[in-house]
Amino acid sequence: MKHTHPHDLSLEVAASTFAALGSEQRLAVLRTLVRAGNAGLTIGELGKRSDVTGSTLTHHMKILAQAGLVTQEKQGRSIICAAVAFDEVRALSEFLLQECCADAPNQEHDHG
């Protein structure tokens, strides 16, 4: 994704990134990694916790990594998957809310 500020996101980039999340399994994988925090998880542990394993998990991780939502790094003989792209995930959610209530008549612009 490469953009960390919601105002920098184009509609095209946001749509492409949301498309990467358009799978229940990918969304489960991302949420599992978000829950794990900055330390991330090994592929094996990620598979256990998300109930997505093997080549299916590899496929989903590739799509999420291409979208800039997760990173993968090798540590020794283990592959550590970390959802360290918290800024990108945050920017994506802020993109949805950046103009919250802008066209609502006489209402406060409060979304939280």
PDB file of N, CA and C in Angstrom:
ATOM      1  N   MET A   1       0.828  -1.189   0.000  1.00  0.00           N
ATOM      2  CA  MET A   1       0.000   0.000   0.000  1.00  0.00           C
ATOM      3  C   MET A   1       0.867   1.245   0.000  1.00  0.00           C
ATOM      4  N   LYS A   2       1.874   1.351   0.814  1.00  0.00           N
ATOM      5  CA  LYS A   2       2.896   2.391   0.796  1.00  0.00           C
ATOM      6  C   LYS A   2       2.410   3.780   1.199  1.00  0.00           C
ATOM      7  N   HIS A   3       1.180   3.949   1.570  1.00  0.00           N
ATOM      8  CA  HIS A   3       0.671   5.242   2.032  1.00  0.00           C
ATOM      9  C   HIS A   3       0.237   5.076   3.475  1.00  0.00           C
ATOM     10  N   THR A   4       0.671   6.003   4.342  1.00  0.00           N
ATOM     11  CA  THR A   4       0.307   5.857   5.739  1.00  0.00           C
ATOM     12  C   THR A   4      -0.604   6.970   6.232  1.00  0.00           C
ATOM     13  N   HIS A   5      -0.961   7.896   5.398  1.00  0.00           N
ATOM     14  CA  HIS A   5      -1.864   8.960   5.804  1.00  0.00           C
ATOM     15  C   HIS A   5      -3.137   8.839   4.970  1.00  0.00           C
ATOM     16  N   PRO A   6      -4.304   8.874   5.611  1.00  0.00           N
ATOM     17  CA  PRO A   6      -5.543   8.646   4.866  1.00  0.00           C
ATOM     18  C   PRO A   6      -5.753   9.629   3.719  1.00  0.00           C
ATOM     19  N   HIS A   7      -5.246  10.863   3.843  1.00  0.00           N
ATOM     20  CA  HIS A   7      -5.429  11.842   2.779  1.00  0.00           C
ATOM     21  C   HIS A   7      -4.545  11.518   1.576  1.00  0.00           C
ATOM     22  N   ASP A   8      -3.526  10.679   1.755  1.00  0.00           N
ATOM     23  CA  ASP A   8      -2.642  10.293   0.667  1.00  0.00           C
ATOM     24  C   ASP A   8      -3.208   9.128  -0.143  1.00  0.00           C
ATOM     25  N   LEU A   9      -4.208   8.455   0.387  1.00  0.00           N
ATOM     26  CA  LEU A   9      -4.769   7.290  -0.306  1.00  0.00           C
ATOM     27  C   LEU A   9      -5.690   7.725  -1.434  1.00  0.00           C
ATOM     28  N   SER A  10      -5.472   7.148  -2.588  1.00  0.00           N
ATOM     29  CA  SER A  10      -6.416   7.375  -3.673  1.00  0.00           C
ATOM     30  C   SER A  10      -7.521   6.338  -3.530  1.00  0.00           C
ATOM     31  N   LEU A  11      -8.627   6.595  -4.150  1.00  0.00           N
ATOM     32  CA  LEU A  11      -9.732   5.645  -4.137  1.00  0.00           C
ATOM     33  C   LEU A  11      -9.278   4.323  -4.740  1.00  0.00           C
ATOM     34  N   GLU A  12      -8.459   4.387  -5.780  1.00  0.00           N
ATOM     35  CA  GLU A  12      -7.955   3.187  -6.450  1.00  0.00           C
ATOM     36  C   GLU A  12      -7.080   2.349  -5.518  1.00  0.00           C
ATOM     37  N   VAL A  13      -6.163   2.994  -4.795  1.00  0.00           N
ATOM     38  CA  VAL A  13      -5.277   2.274  -3.871  1.00  0.00           C
ATOM     39  C   VAL A  13      -6.083   1.673  -2.731  1.00  0.00           C
ATOM     40  N   ALA A  14      -7.008   2.442  -2.184  1.00  0.00           N
ATOM     41  CA  ALA A  14      -7.846   1.936  -1.091  1.00  0.00           C
ATOM     42  C   ALA A  14      -8.666   0.742  -1.564  1.00  0.00           C
ATOM     43  N   ALA A  15      -9.255   0.825  -2.742  1.00  0.00           N
ATOM     44  CA  ALA A  15     -10.072  -0.277  -3.263  1.00  0.00           C
ATOM     45  C   ALA A  15      -9.225  -1.519  -3.465  1.00  0.00           C
ATOM     46  N   SER A  16      -8.028  -1.348  -3.977  1.00  0.00           N
ATOM     47  CA  SER A  16      -7.127  -2.478  -4.193  1.00  0.00           C
ATOM     48  C   SER A  16      -6.752  -3.142  -2.877  1.00  0.00           C
ATOM     49  N   THR A  17      -6.504  -2.329  -1.865  1.00  0.00           N
ATOM     50  CA  THR A  17      -6.130  -2.868  -0.560  1.00  0.00           C
ATOM     51  C   THR A  17      -7.310  -3.564   0.101  1.00  0.00           C
ATOM     52  N   PHE A  18      -8.490  -2.955   0.007  1.00  0.00           N
ATOM     53  CA  PHE A  18      -9.683  -3.617   0.546  1.00  0.00           C
ATOM     54  C   PHE A  18      -9.953  -4.924  -0.188  1.00  0.00           C
ATOM     55  N   ALA A  19      -9.660  -4.978  -1.477  1.00  0.00           N
ATOM     56  CA  ALA A  19      -9.859  -6.212  -2.246  1.00  0.00           C
ATOM     57  C   ALA A  19      -9.003  -7.340  -1.682  1.00  0.00           C
ATOM     58  N   ALA A  20      -7.806  -7.003  -1.204  1.00  0.00           N
ATOM     59  CA  ALA A  20      -6.937  -8.021  -0.606  1.00  0.00           C
ATOM     60  C   ALA A  20      -7.566  -8.606   0.657  1.00  0.00           C
ATOM     61  N   LEU A  21      -8.447  -7.855   1.279  1.00  0.00           N
ATOM     62  CA  LEU A  21      -9.129  -8.324   2.490  1.00  0.00           C
ATOM     63  C   LEU A  21     -10.462  -8.988   2.167  1.00  0.00           C
ATOM     64  N   GLY A  22     -10.758  -9.147   0.877  1.00  0.00           N
ATOM     65  CA  GLY A  22     -12.053  -9.671   0.460  1.00  0.00           C
ATOM     66  C   GLY A  22     -12.175 -11.180   0.545  1.00  0.00           C
ATOM     67  N   SER A  23     -11.548 -11.761   1.510  1.00  0.00           N
ATOM     68  CA  SER A  23     -11.627 -13.197   1.748  1.00  0.00           C
ATOM     69  C   SER A  23     -11.730 -13.407   3.248  1.00  0.00           C
ATOM     70  N   GLU A  24     -12.636 -14.260   3.662  1.00  0.00           N
ATOM     71  CA  GLU A  24     -12.777 -14.533   5.098  1.00  0.00           C
ATOM     72  C   GLU A  24     -11.470 -15.049   5.681  1.00  0.00           C
ATOM     73  N   GLN A  25     -10.788 -15.921   4.928  1.00  0.00           N
ATOM     74  CA  GLN A  25      -9.541 -16.488   5.445  1.00  0.00           C
ATOM     75  C   GLN A  25      -8.452 -15.424   5.556  1.00  0.00           C
ATOM     76  N   ARG A  26      -8.316 -14.539   4.558  1.00  0.00           N
ATOM     77  CA  ARG A  26      -7.297 -13.484   4.649  1.00  0.00           C
ATOM     78  C   ARG A  26      -7.610 -12.540   5.786  1.00  0.00           C
ATOM     79  N   LEU A  27      -8.861 -12.225   5.959  1.00  0.00           N
ATOM     80  CA  LEU A  27      -9.246 -11.352   7.062  1.00  0.00           C
ATOM     81  C   LEU A  27      -8.939 -12.023   8.397  1.00  0.00           C
ATOM     82  N   ALA A  28      -9.182 -13.312   8.507  1.00  0.00           N
ATOM     83  CA  ALA A  28      -8.859 -14.056   9.729  1.00  0.00           C
ATOM     84  C   ALA A  28      -7.359 -14.068   9.981  1.00  0.00           C
ATOM     85  N   VAL A  29      -6.570 -14.243   8.931  1.00  0.00           N
ATOM     86  CA  VAL A  29      -5.111 -14.238   9.071  1.00  0.00           C
ATOM     87  C   VAL A  29      -4.639 -12.873   9.551  1.00  0.00           C
ATOM     88  N   LEU A  30      -5.129 -11.803   8.932  1.00  0.00           N
ATOM     89  CA  LEU A  30      -4.722 -10.455   9.337  1.00  0.00           C
ATOM     90  C   LEU A  30      -5.123 -10.171  10.775  1.00  0.00           C
ATOM     91  N   ARG A  31      -6.337 -10.517  11.147  1.00  0.00           N
ATOM     92  CA  ARG A  31      -6.794 -10.280  12.519  1.00  0.00           C
ATOM     93  C   ARG A  31      -5.975 -11.076  13.525  1.00  0.00           C
ATOM     94  N   THR A  32      -5.591 -12.290  13.157  1.00  0.00           N
ATOM     95  CA  THR A  32      -4.747 -13.105  14.030  1.00  0.00           C
ATOM     96  C   THR A  32      -3.398 -12.427  14.236  1.00  0.00           C
ATOM     97  N   LEU A  33      -2.831 -11.896  13.168  1.00  0.00           N
ATOM     98  CA  LEU A  33      -1.546 -11.207  13.277  1.00  0.00           C
ATOM     99  C   LEU A  33      -1.662  -9.903  14.050  1.00  0.00           C
ATOM    100  N   VAL A  34      -2.757  -9.189  13.868  1.00  0.00           N
ATOM    101  CA  VAL A  34      -2.972  -7.958  14.636  1.00  0.00           C
ATOM    102  C   VAL A  34      -3.031  -8.285  16.129  1.00  0.00           C
ATOM    103  N   ARG A  35      -3.726  -9.368  16.477  1.00  0.00           N
ATOM    104  CA  ARG A  35      -3.821  -9.790  17.882  1.00  0.00           C
ATOM    105  C   ARG A  35      -2.453 -10.149  18.445  1.00  0.00           C
ATOM    106  N   ALA A  36      -1.565 -10.683  17.600  1.00  0.00           N
ATOM    107  CA  ALA A  36      -0.233 -11.092  18.057  1.00  0.00           C
ATOM    108  C   ALA A  36       0.670  -9.895  18.328  1.00  0.00           C
ATOM    109  N   GLY A  37       0.348  -8.741  17.768  1.00  0.00           N
ATOM    110  CA  GLY A  37       1.152  -7.548  18.007  1.00  0.00           C
ATOM    111  C   GLY A  37       2.426  -7.528  17.174  1.00  0.00           C
ATOM    112  N   ASN A  38       3.329  -6.639  17.556  1.00  0.00           N
ATOM    113  CA  ASN A  38       4.555  -6.424  16.796  1.00  0.00           C
ATOM    114  C   ASN A  38       5.468  -7.638  16.748  1.00  0.00           C
ATOM    115  N   ALA A  39       5.366  -8.534  17.702  1.00  0.00           N
ATOM    116  CA  ALA A  39       6.245  -9.705  17.738  1.00  0.00           C
ATOM    117  C   ALA A  39       5.956 -10.662  16.591  1.00  0.00           C
ATOM    118  N   GLY A  40       4.740 -10.662  16.079  1.00  0.00           N
ATOM    119  CA  GLY A  40       4.377 -11.542  14.986  1.00  0.00           C
ATOM    120  C   GLY A  40       4.282 -12.992  15.415  1.00  0.00           C
ATOM    121  N   LEU A  41       4.132 -13.863  14.438  1.00  0.00           N
ATOM    122  CA  LEU A  41       3.984 -15.296  14.679  1.00  0.00           C
ATOM    123  C   LEU A  41       4.758 -16.072  13.633  1.00  0.00           C
ATOM    124  N   THR A  42       5.158 -17.283  13.978  1.00  0.00           N
ATOM    125  CA  THR A  42       5.715 -18.163  12.958  1.00  0.00           C
ATOM    126  C   THR A  42       4.575 -18.618  12.060  1.00  0.00           C
ATOM    127  N   ILE A  43       4.926 -19.085  10.883  1.00  0.00           N
ATOM    128  CA  ILE A  43       3.902 -19.587   9.959  1.00  0.00           C
ATOM    129  C   ILE A  43       3.085 -20.700  10.624  1.00  0.00           C
ATOM    130  N   GLY A  44       3.765 -21.598  11.332  1.00  0.00           N
ATOM    131  CA  GLY A  44       3.075 -22.712  11.987  1.00  0.00           C
ATOM    132  C   GLY A  44       2.070 -22.246  13.019  1.00  0.00           C
ATOM    133  N   GLU A  45       2.503 -21.293  13.853  1.00  0.00           N
ATOM    134  CA  GLU A  45       1.604 -20.772  14.889  1.00  0.00           C
ATOM    135  C   GLU A  45       0.464 -19.970  14.263  1.00  0.00           C
ATOM    136  N   LEU A  46       0.764 -19.204  13.225  1.00  0.00           N
ATOM    137  CA  LEU A  46      -0.273 -18.452  12.535  1.00  0.00           C
ATOM    138  C   LEU A  46      -1.317 -19.405  11.960  1.00  0.00           C
ATOM    139  N   GLY A  47      -0.863 -20.503  11.380  1.00  0.00           N
ATOM    140  CA  GLY A  47      -1.782 -21.493  10.832  1.00  0.00           C
ATOM    141  C   GLY A  47      -2.689 -22.087  11.891  1.00  0.00           C
ATOM    142  N   LYS A  48      -2.113 -22.409  13.053  1.00  0.00           N
ATOM    143  CA  LYS A  48      -2.916 -22.976  14.149  1.00  0.00           C
ATOM    144  C   LYS A  48      -3.957 -21.985  14.638  1.00  0.00           C
ATOM    145  N   ARG A  49      -3.520 -20.758  14.860  1.00  0.00           N
ATOM    146  CA  ARG A  49      -4.431 -19.765  15.438  1.00  0.00           C
ATOM    147  C   ARG A  49      -5.512 -19.307  14.464  1.00  0.00           C
ATOM    148  N   SER A  50      -5.183 -19.262  13.186  1.00  0.00           N
ATOM    149  CA  SER A  50      -6.155 -18.774  12.200  1.00  0.00           C
ATOM    150  C   SER A  50      -6.925 -19.898  11.524  1.00  0.00           C
ATOM    151  N   ASP A  51      -6.496 -21.137  11.770  1.00  0.00           N
ATOM    152  CA  ASP A  51      -7.109 -22.317  11.161  1.00  0.00           C
ATOM    153  C   ASP A  51      -6.986 -22.298   9.631  1.00  0.00           C
ATOM    154  N   VAL A  52      -5.874 -21.713   9.149  1.00  0.00           N
ATOM    155  CA  VAL A  52      -5.542 -21.691   7.730  1.00  0.00           C
ATOM    156  C   VAL A  52      -4.116 -22.204   7.629  1.00  0.00           C
ATOM    157  N   THR A  53      -3.892 -23.274   6.885  1.00  0.00           N
ATOM    158  CA  THR A  53      -2.565 -23.877   6.872  1.00  0.00           C
ATOM    159  C   THR A  53      -2.064 -24.155   5.467  1.00  0.00           C
ATOM    160  N   GLY A  54      -0.806 -24.558   5.399  1.00  0.00           N
ATOM    161  CA  GLY A  54      -0.198 -25.040   4.161  1.00  0.00           C
ATOM    162  C   GLY A  54      -0.155 -24.028   3.043  1.00  0.00           C
ATOM    163  N   SER A  55      -0.368 -24.533   1.828  1.00  0.00           N
ATOM    164  CA  SER A  55      -0.267 -23.680   0.648  1.00  0.00           C
ATOM    165  C   SER A  55      -1.348 -22.597   0.637  1.00  0.00           C
ATOM    166  N   THR A  56      -2.469 -22.871   1.267  1.00  0.00           N
ATOM    167  CA  THR A  56      -3.530 -21.856   1.357  1.00  0.00           C
ATOM    168  C   THR A  56      -3.051 -20.657   2.162  1.00  0.00           C
ATOM    169  N   LEU A  57      -2.388 -20.913   3.290  1.00  0.00           N
ATOM    170  CA  LEU A  57      -1.856 -19.834   4.111  1.00  0.00           C
ATOM    171  C   LEU A  57      -0.774 -19.077   3.343  1.00  0.00           C
ATOM    172  N   THR A  58       0.096 -19.789   2.673  1.00  0.00           N
ATOM    173  CA  THR A  58       1.153 -19.156   1.888  1.00  0.00           C
ATOM    174  C   THR A  58       0.550 -18.227   0.837  1.00  0.00           C
ATOM    175  N   HIS A  59      -0.481 -18.693   0.161  1.00  0.00           N
ATOM    176  CA  HIS A  59      -1.176 -17.897  -0.857  1.00  0.00           C
ATOM    177  C   HIS A  59      -1.776 -16.628  -0.250  1.00  0.00           C
ATOM    178  N   HIS A  60      -2.465 -16.760   0.868  1.00  0.00           N
ATOM    179  CA  HIS A  60      -3.091 -15.600   1.506  1.00  0.00           C
ATOM    180  C   HIS A  60      -2.051 -14.610   2.013  1.00  0.00           C
ATOM    181  N   MET A  61      -0.946 -15.122   2.573  1.00  0.00           N
ATOM    182  CA  MET A  61       0.109 -14.227   3.056  1.00  0.00           C
ATOM    183  C   MET A  61       0.730 -13.443   1.903  1.00  0.00           C
ATOM    184  N   LYS A  62       0.889 -14.070   0.754  1.00  0.00           N
ATOM    185  CA  LYS A  62       1.451 -13.389  -0.406  1.00  0.00           C
ATOM    186  C   LYS A  62       0.561 -12.221  -0.830  1.00  0.00           C
ATOM    187  N   ILE A  63      -0.734 -12.448  -0.866  1.00  0.00           N
ATOM    188  CA  ILE A  63      -1.678 -11.389  -1.253  1.00  0.00           C
ATOM    189  C   ILE A  63      -1.667 -10.257  -0.236  1.00  0.00           C
ATOM    190  N   LEU A  64      -1.666 -10.599   1.053  1.00  0.00           N
ATOM    191  CA  LEU A  64      -1.642  -9.576   2.102  1.00  0.00           C
ATOM    192  C   LEU A  64      -0.335  -8.797   2.078  1.00  0.00           C
ATOM    193  N   ALA A  65       0.772  -9.471   1.801  1.00  0.00           N
ATOM    194  CA  ALA A  65       2.068  -8.795   1.733  1.00  0.00           C
ATOM    195  C   ALA A  65       2.130  -7.865   0.520  1.00  0.00           C
ATOM    196  N   GLN A  66       1.602  -8.307  -0.618  1.00  0.00           N
ATOM    197  CA  GLN A  66       1.580  -7.463  -1.812  1.00  0.00           C
ATOM    198  C   GLN A  66       0.742  -6.207  -1.594  1.00  0.00           C
ATOM    199  N   ALA A  67      -0.276  -6.317  -0.763  1.00  0.00           N
ATOM    200  CA  ALA A  67      -1.133  -5.170  -0.447  1.00  0.00           C
ATOM    201  C   ALA A  67      -0.484  -4.258   0.591  1.00  0.00           C
ATOM    202  N   GLY A  68       0.651  -4.672   1.141  1.00  0.00           N
ATOM    203  CA  GLY A  68       1.351  -3.854   2.132  1.00  0.00           C
ATOM    204  C   GLY A  68       0.791  -3.965   3.532  1.00  0.00           C
ATOM    205  N   LEU A  69      -0.044  -4.963   3.792  1.00  0.00           N
ATOM    206  CA  LEU A  69      -0.692  -5.089   5.095  1.00  0.00           C
ATOM    207  C   LEU A  69       0.101  -5.932   6.086  1.00  0.00           C
ATOM    208  N   VAL A  70       0.944  -6.833   5.589  1.00  0.00           N
ATOM    209  CA  VAL A  70       1.779  -7.664   6.455  1.00  0.00           C
ATOM    210  C   VAL A  70       3.183  -7.745   5.862  1.00  0.00           C
ATOM    211  N   THR A  71       4.109  -8.146   6.709  1.00  0.00           N
ATOM    212  CA  THR A  71       5.457  -8.419   6.232  1.00  0.00           C
ATOM    213  C   THR A  71       5.837  -9.816   6.672  1.00  0.00           C
ATOM    214  N   GLN A  72       6.793 -10.383   5.980  1.00  0.00           N
ATOM    215  CA  GLN A  72       7.320 -11.687   6.359  1.00  0.00           C
ATOM    216  C   GLN A  72       8.829 -11.557   6.429  1.00  0.00           C
ATOM    217  N   GLU A  73       9.418 -12.125   7.453  1.00  0.00           N
ATOM    218  CA  GLU A  73      10.868 -12.126   7.532  1.00  0.00           C
ATOM    219  C   GLU A  73      11.342 -13.446   8.077  1.00  0.00           C
ATOM    220  N   LYS A  74      12.516 -13.817   7.662  1.00  0.00           N
ATOM    221  CA  LYS A  74      13.081 -15.089   8.086  1.00  0.00           C
ATOM    222  C   LYS A  74      13.975 -14.859   9.302  1.00  0.00           C
ATOM    223  N   GLN A  75      13.805 -15.679  10.318  1.00  0.00           N
ATOM    224  CA  GLN A  75      14.651 -15.648  11.505  1.00  0.00           C
ATOM    225  C   GLN A  75      15.120 -17.069  11.750  1.00  0.00           C
ATOM    226  N   GLY A  76      16.389 -17.325  11.429  1.00  0.00           N
ATOM    227  CA  GLY A  76      16.884 -18.686  11.538  1.00  0.00           C
ATOM    228  C   GLY A  76      16.199 -19.547  10.502  1.00  0.00           C
ATOM    229  N   ARG A  77      15.648 -20.661  10.944  1.00  0.00           N
ATOM    230  CA  ARG A  77      14.949 -21.549  10.016  1.00  0.00           C
ATOM    231  C   ARG A  77      13.440 -21.335  10.033  1.00  0.00           C
ATOM    232  N   SER A  78      12.982 -20.374  10.827  1.00  0.00           N
ATOM    233  CA  SER A  78      11.550 -20.095  10.900  1.00  0.00           C
ATOM    234  C   SER A  78      11.214 -18.837  10.125  1.00  0.00           C
ATOM    235  N   ILE A  79      10.054 -18.839   9.524  1.00  0.00           N
ATOM    236  CA  ILE A  79       9.554 -17.623   8.902  1.00  0.00           C
ATOM    237  C   ILE A  79       8.629 -16.961   9.913  1.00  0.00           C
ATOM    238  N   ILE A  80       8.965 -15.737  10.267  1.00  0.00           N
ATOM    239  CA  ILE A  80       8.144 -14.974  11.198  1.00  0.00           C
ATOM    240  C   ILE A  80       7.234 -14.066  10.375  1.00  0.00           C
ATOM    241  N   CYS A  81       5.960 -14.116  10.626  1.00  0.00           N
ATOM    242  CA  CYS A  81       5.012 -13.245   9.947  1.00  0.00           C
ATOM    243  C   CYS A  81       4.566 -12.196  10.948  1.00  0.00           C
ATOM    244  N   ALA A  82       4.729 -10.952  10.607  1.00  0.00           N
ATOM    245  CA  ALA A  82       4.342  -9.912  11.540  1.00  0.00           C
ATOM    246  C   ALA A  82       3.413  -8.914  10.876  1.00  0.00           C
ATOM    247  N   ALA A  83       2.343  -8.556  11.559  1.00  0.00           N
ATOM    248  CA  ALA A  83       1.426  -7.539  11.058  1.00  0.00           C
ATOM    249  C   ALA A  83       1.968  -6.174  11.463  1.00  0.00           C
ATOM    250  N   VAL A  84       3.183  -5.904  11.068  1.00  0.00           N
ATOM    251  CA  VAL A  84       3.833  -4.662  11.451  1.00  0.00           C
ATOM    252  C   VAL A  84       3.348  -3.477  10.638  1.00  0.00           C
ATOM    253  N   ALA A  85       2.466  -3.700   9.691  1.00  0.00           N
ATOM    254  CA  ALA A  85       1.952  -2.614   8.871  1.00  0.00           C
ATOM    255  C   ALA A  85       0.753  -1.956   9.544  1.00  0.00           C
ATOM    256  N   PHE A  86       0.873  -1.757  10.858  1.00  0.00           N
ATOM    257  CA  PHE A  86      -0.241  -1.144  11.597  1.00  0.00           C
ATOM    258  C   PHE A  86      -0.593   0.226  11.042  1.00  0.00           C
ATOM    259  N   ASP A  87       0.408   0.999  10.608  1.00  0.00           N
ATOM    260  CA  ASP A  87       0.134   2.326  10.058  1.00  0.00           C
ATOM    261  C   ASP A  87      -0.732   2.235   8.805  1.00  0.00           C
ATOM    262  N   GLU A  88      -0.459   1.239   7.962  1.00  0.00           N
ATOM    263  CA  GLU A  88      -1.251   1.075   6.740  1.00  0.00           C
ATOM    264  C   GLU A  88      -2.678   0.648   7.056  1.00  0.00           C
ATOM    265  N   VAL A  89      -2.814  -0.262   8.001  1.00  0.00           N
ATOM    266  CA  VAL A  89      -4.149  -0.721   8.394  1.00  0.00           C
ATOM    267  C   VAL A  89      -4.937   0.448   8.999  1.00  0.00           C
ATOM    268  N   ARG A  90      -4.267   1.236   9.829  1.00  0.00           N
ATOM    269  CA  ARG A  90      -4.902   2.394  10.447  1.00  0.00           C
ATOM    270  C   ARG A  90      -5.301   3.414   9.377  1.00  0.00           C
ATOM    271  N   ALA A  91      -4.412   3.667   8.416  1.00  0.00           N
ATOM    272  CA  ALA A  91      -4.717   4.622   7.351  1.00  0.00           C
ATOM    273  C   ALA A  91      -5.906   4.168   6.522  1.00  0.00           C
ATOM    274  N   LEU A  92      -6.006   2.863   6.302  1.00  0.00           N
ATOM    275  CA  LEU A  92      -7.117   2.329   5.544  1.00  0.00           C
ATOM    276  C   LEU A  92      -8.441   2.554   6.273  1.00  0.00           C
ATOM    277  N   SER A  93      -8.454   2.326   7.573  1.00  0.00           N
ATOM    278  CA  SER A  93      -9.693   2.550   8.324  1.00  0.00           C
ATOM    279  C   SER A  93     -10.006   4.043   8.422  1.00  0.00           C
ATOM    280  N   GLU A  94      -8.992   4.875   8.567  1.00  0.00           N
ATOM    281  CA  GLU A  94      -9.218   6.322   8.626  1.00  0.00           C
ATOM    282  C   GLU A  94      -9.708   6.865   7.285  1.00  0.00           C
ATOM    283  N   PHE A  95      -9.275   6.214   6.198  1.00  0.00           N
ATOM    284  CA  PHE A  95      -9.736   6.604   4.867  1.00  0.00           C
ATOM    285  C   PHE A  95     -11.263   6.554   4.797  1.00  0.00           C
ATOM    286  N   LEU A  96     -11.852   5.528   5.414  1.00  0.00           N
ATOM    287  CA  LEU A  96     -13.307   5.387   5.399  1.00  0.00           C
ATOM    288  C   LEU A  96     -14.003   6.486   6.197  1.00  0.00           C
ATOM    289  N   LEU A  97     -13.334   6.976   7.228  1.00  0.00           N
ATOM    290  CA  LEU A  97     -13.976   7.914   8.146  1.00  0.00           C
ATOM    291  C   LEU A  97     -13.563   9.367   7.951  1.00  0.00           C
ATOM    292  N   GLN A  98     -12.641   9.641   7.051  1.00  0.00           N
ATOM    293  CA  GLN A  98     -12.083  10.987   6.970  1.00  0.00           C
ATOM    294  C   GLN A  98     -13.107  12.064   6.637  1.00  0.00           C
ATOM    295  N   GLU A  99     -14.171  11.719   5.962  1.00  0.00           N
ATOM    296  CA  GLU A  99     -15.200  12.716   5.650  1.00  0.00           C
ATOM    297  C   GLU A  99     -16.520  12.389   6.334  1.00  0.00           C
ATOM    298  N   CYS A 100     -16.419  11.714   7.460  1.00  0.00           N
ATOM    299  CA  CYS A 100     -17.615  11.313   8.184  1.00  0.00           C
ATOM    300  C   CYS A 100     -18.521  12.502   8.458  1.00  0.00           C
ATOM    301  N   CYS A 101     -19.753  12.341   8.093  1.00  0.00           N
ATOM    302  CA  CYS A 101     -20.814  13.312   8.379  1.00  0.00           C
ATOM    303  C   CYS A 101     -20.635  14.648   7.668  1.00  0.00           C
ATOM    304  N   ALA A 102     -19.740  14.739   6.686  1.00  0.00           N
ATOM    305  CA  ALA A 102     -19.461  16.005   6.009  1.00  0.00           C
ATOM    306  C   ALA A 102     -20.702  16.595   5.340  1.00  0.00           C
ATOM    307  N   ASP A 103     -21.589  15.751   4.883  1.00  0.00           N
ATOM    308  CA  ASP A 103     -22.783  16.246   4.198  1.00  0.00           C
ATOM    309  C   ASP A 103     -24.046  16.172   5.056  1.00  0.00           C
ATOM    310  N   ALA A 104     -23.895  15.832   6.311  1.00  0.00           N
ATOM    311  CA  ALA A 104     -25.048  15.745   7.192  1.00  0.00           C
ATOM    312  C   ALA A 104     -25.446  17.151   7.640  1.00  0.00           C
ATOM    313  N   PRO A 105     -26.711  17.491   7.484  1.00  0.00           N
ATOM    314  CA  PRO A 105     -27.155  18.840   7.860  1.00  0.00           C
ATOM    315  C   PRO A 105     -27.155  19.036   9.377  1.00  0.00           C
ATOM    316  N   ASN A 106     -26.537  20.108   9.814  1.00  0.00           N
ATOM    317  CA  ASN A 106     -26.581  20.528  11.221  1.00  0.00           C
ATOM    318  C   ASN A 106     -26.257  19.437  12.218  1.00  0.00           C
ATOM    319  N   GLN A 107     -25.339  18.578  11.900  1.00  0.00           N
ATOM    320  CA  GLN A 107     -24.929  17.548  12.857  1.00  0.00           C
ATOM    321  C   GLN A 107     -23.444  17.695  13.108  1.00  0.00           C
ATOM    322  N   GLU A 108     -23.067  17.304  14.321  1.00  0.00           N
ATOM    323  CA  GLU A 108     -21.644  17.351  14.636  1.00  0.00           C
ATOM    324  C   GLU A 108     -20.927  16.277  13.844  1.00  0.00           C
ATOM    325  N   HIS A 109     -19.688  16.560  13.528  1.00  0.00           N
ATOM    326  CA  HIS A 109     -18.851  15.632  12.771  1.00  0.00           C
ATOM    327  C   HIS A 109     -18.112  14.722  13.719  1.00  0.00           C
ATOM    328  N   ASP A 110     -18.873  13.922  14.430  1.00  0.00           N
ATOM    329  CA  ASP A 110     -18.289  13.011  15.409  1.00  0.00           C
ATOM    330  C   ASP A 110     -18.539  11.581  14.965  1.00  0.00           C
ATOM    331  N   HIS A 111     -17.456  10.806  14.864  1.00  0.00           N
ATOM    332  CA  HIS A 111     -17.585   9.413  14.455  1.00  0.00           C
ATOM    333  C   HIS A 111     -17.022   8.468  15.496  1.00  0.00           C
ATOM    334  N   GLY A 112     -16.905   8.875  16.675  1.00  0.00           N
ATOM    335  CA  GLY A 112     -16.364   7.923  17.611  1.00  0.00           C
ATOM    336  C   GLY A 112     -16.797   8.198  18.973  1.00  0.00           C
TER     337      GLY A 112
END
